[in-house]
């Protein structure tokens, strides 16, 4: 049985809209992300028409993502 290091397992496709508020996610398919690569889904901003998402380790770093943006939740943190 051979183990391939460069083979990535496809993660389930999840959108920002389908996440619950406060749920963790990454923007790339990473098995073991760093603290700075993990985001938390925040509230929907009606003015921007996007979801407010912030870094797990620094809530001052905010990014606004559209609801149909693909994110990944299948990781160990």
C-alpha atoms as a PDB file:
ATOM      1  CA  UNK A   1       0.000   0.000   0.000  1.00  0.00           C
ATOM      2  CA  UNK A   2       1.561   3.252  -1.126  1.00  0.00           C
ATOM      3  CA  UNK A   3       1.003   6.593   0.562  1.00  0.00           C
ATOM      4  CA  UNK A   4       0.980   9.641  -1.667  1.00  0.00           C
ATOM      5  CA  UNK A   5       1.744  12.952   0.027  1.00  0.00           C
ATOM      6  CA  UNK A   6       0.595  15.193  -2.824  1.00  0.00           C
ATOM      7  CA  UNK A   7      -2.843  13.654  -3.275  1.00  0.00           C
ATOM      8  CA  UNK A   8      -5.600  15.864  -1.921  1.00  0.00           C
ATOM      9  CA  UNK A   9      -8.893  14.405  -0.828  1.00  0.00           C
ATOM     10  CA  UNK A  10     -11.819  16.406  -2.181  1.00  0.00           C
ATOM     11  CA  UNK A  11     -13.623  18.172   0.631  1.00  0.00           C
ATOM     12  CA  UNK A  12     -17.384  18.657   0.655  1.00  0.00           C
ATOM     13  CA  UNK A  13     -18.456  21.909  -0.976  1.00  0.00           C
ATOM     14  CA  UNK A  14     -20.010  24.319   1.508  1.00  0.00           C
ATOM     15  CA  UNK A  15     -21.030  27.920   0.951  1.00  0.00           C
ATOM     16  CA  UNK A  16     -20.772  30.757   3.441  1.00  0.00           C
ATOM     17  CA  UNK A  17     -24.562  31.112   3.368  1.00  0.00           C
ATOM     18  CA  UNK A  18     -25.071  27.525   4.556  1.00  0.00           C
ATOM     19  CA  UNK A  19     -22.801  27.924   7.608  1.00  0.00           C
ATOM     20  CA  UNK A  20     -24.233  28.798  10.995  1.00  0.00           C
ATOM     21  CA  UNK A  21     -23.086  31.973  12.692  1.00  0.00           C
ATOM     22  CA  UNK A  22     -19.934  31.290  14.719  1.00  0.00           C
ATOM     23  CA  UNK A  23     -18.880  28.258  12.672  1.00  0.00           C
ATOM     24  CA  UNK A  24     -15.190  27.856  11.716  1.00  0.00           C
ATOM     25  CA  UNK A  25     -13.999  27.532   8.108  1.00  0.00           C
ATOM     26  CA  UNK A  26     -11.015  27.997   5.820  1.00  0.00           C
ATOM     27  CA  UNK A  27     -10.960  29.539   2.373  1.00  0.00           C
ATOM     28  CA  UNK A  28      -8.637  26.844   0.987  1.00  0.00           C
ATOM     29  CA  UNK A  29      -8.746  23.064   1.347  1.00  0.00           C
ATOM     30  CA  UNK A  30      -6.149  22.703   4.144  1.00  0.00           C
ATOM     31  CA  UNK A  31      -6.021  19.640   6.416  1.00  0.00           C
ATOM     32  CA  UNK A  32      -4.174  21.324   9.316  1.00  0.00           C
ATOM     33  CA  UNK A  33      -4.521  25.119   8.979  1.00  0.00           C
ATOM     34  CA  UNK A  34      -2.625  27.694  10.992  1.00  0.00           C
ATOM     35  CA  UNK A  35      -4.496  29.973  13.395  1.00  0.00           C
ATOM     36  CA  UNK A  36      -4.338  32.813  10.880  1.00  0.00           C
ATOM     37  CA  UNK A  37      -6.001  30.681   8.164  1.00  0.00           C
ATOM     38  CA  UNK A  38      -9.168  29.940  10.126  1.00  0.00           C
ATOM     39  CA  UNK A  39     -12.181  32.254   9.845  1.00  0.00           C
ATOM     40  CA  UNK A  40     -15.410  32.536  11.806  1.00  0.00           C
ATOM     41  CA  UNK A  41     -18.696  33.278  10.058  1.00  0.00           C
ATOM     42  CA  UNK A  42     -20.287  36.422  11.417  1.00  0.00           C
ATOM     43  CA  UNK A  43     -23.478  38.320  10.689  1.00  0.00           C
ATOM     44  CA  UNK A  44     -24.957  39.313   7.341  1.00  0.00           C
ATOM     45  CA  UNK A  45     -24.309  42.964   6.495  1.00  0.00           C
ATOM     46  CA  UNK A  46     -27.271  44.308   4.523  1.00  0.00           C
ATOM     47  CA  UNK A  47     -25.409  47.414   3.414  1.00  0.00           C
ATOM     48  CA  UNK A  48     -22.546  45.403   1.878  1.00  0.00           C
ATOM     49  CA  UNK A  49     -24.859  42.497   0.891  1.00  0.00           C
ATOM     50  CA  UNK A  50     -22.201  40.096   2.162  1.00  0.00           C
ATOM     51  CA  UNK A  51     -21.391  38.016   5.214  1.00  0.00           C
ATOM     52  CA  UNK A  52     -18.898  39.410   7.710  1.00  0.00           C
ATOM     53  CA  UNK A  53     -16.202  36.829   8.484  1.00  0.00           C
ATOM     54  CA  UNK A  54     -13.292  37.410  10.813  1.00  0.00           C
ATOM     55  CA  UNK A  55     -10.040  35.644  11.633  1.00  0.00           C
ATOM     56  CA  UNK A  56     -10.209  33.242  14.556  1.00  0.00           C
ATOM     57  CA  UNK A  57      -7.148  34.681  16.286  1.00  0.00           C
ATOM     58  CA  UNK A  58      -7.767  38.383  15.560  1.00  0.00           C
ATOM     59  CA  UNK A  59     -11.317  39.718  15.378  1.00  0.00           C
ATOM     60  CA  UNK A  60     -10.072  43.020  13.931  1.00  0.00           C
ATOM     61  CA  UNK A  61      -9.198  41.274  10.647  1.00  0.00           C
ATOM     62  CA  UNK A  62     -12.523  41.203   8.833  1.00  0.00           C
ATOM     63  CA  UNK A  63     -13.322  40.003   5.342  1.00  0.00           C
ATOM     64  CA  UNK A  64     -16.720  40.308   3.631  1.00  0.00           C
ATOM     65  CA  UNK A  65     -17.695  37.289   1.534  1.00  0.00           C
ATOM     66  CA  UNK A  66     -20.646  36.716  -0.782  1.00  0.00           C
ATOM     67  CA  UNK A  67     -23.063  34.018   0.273  1.00  0.00           C
ATOM     68  CA  UNK A  68     -22.169  31.707  -2.623  1.00  0.00           C
ATOM     69  CA  UNK A  69     -18.420  31.724  -1.833  1.00  0.00           C
ATOM     70  CA  UNK A  70     -17.116  28.167  -1.456  1.00  0.00           C
ATOM     71  CA  UNK A  71     -15.407  27.445   1.874  1.00  0.00           C
ATOM     72  CA  UNK A  72     -14.101  24.326   3.619  1.00  0.00           C
ATOM     73  CA  UNK A  73     -15.071  23.033   7.058  1.00  0.00           C
ATOM     74  CA  UNK A  74     -13.498  19.574   7.003  1.00  0.00           C
ATOM     75  CA  UNK A  75     -10.238  20.188   8.894  1.00  0.00           C
ATOM     76  CA  UNK A  76      -8.639  19.554  12.270  1.00  0.00           C
ATOM     77  CA  UNK A  77      -8.008  22.598  14.388  1.00  0.00           C
END
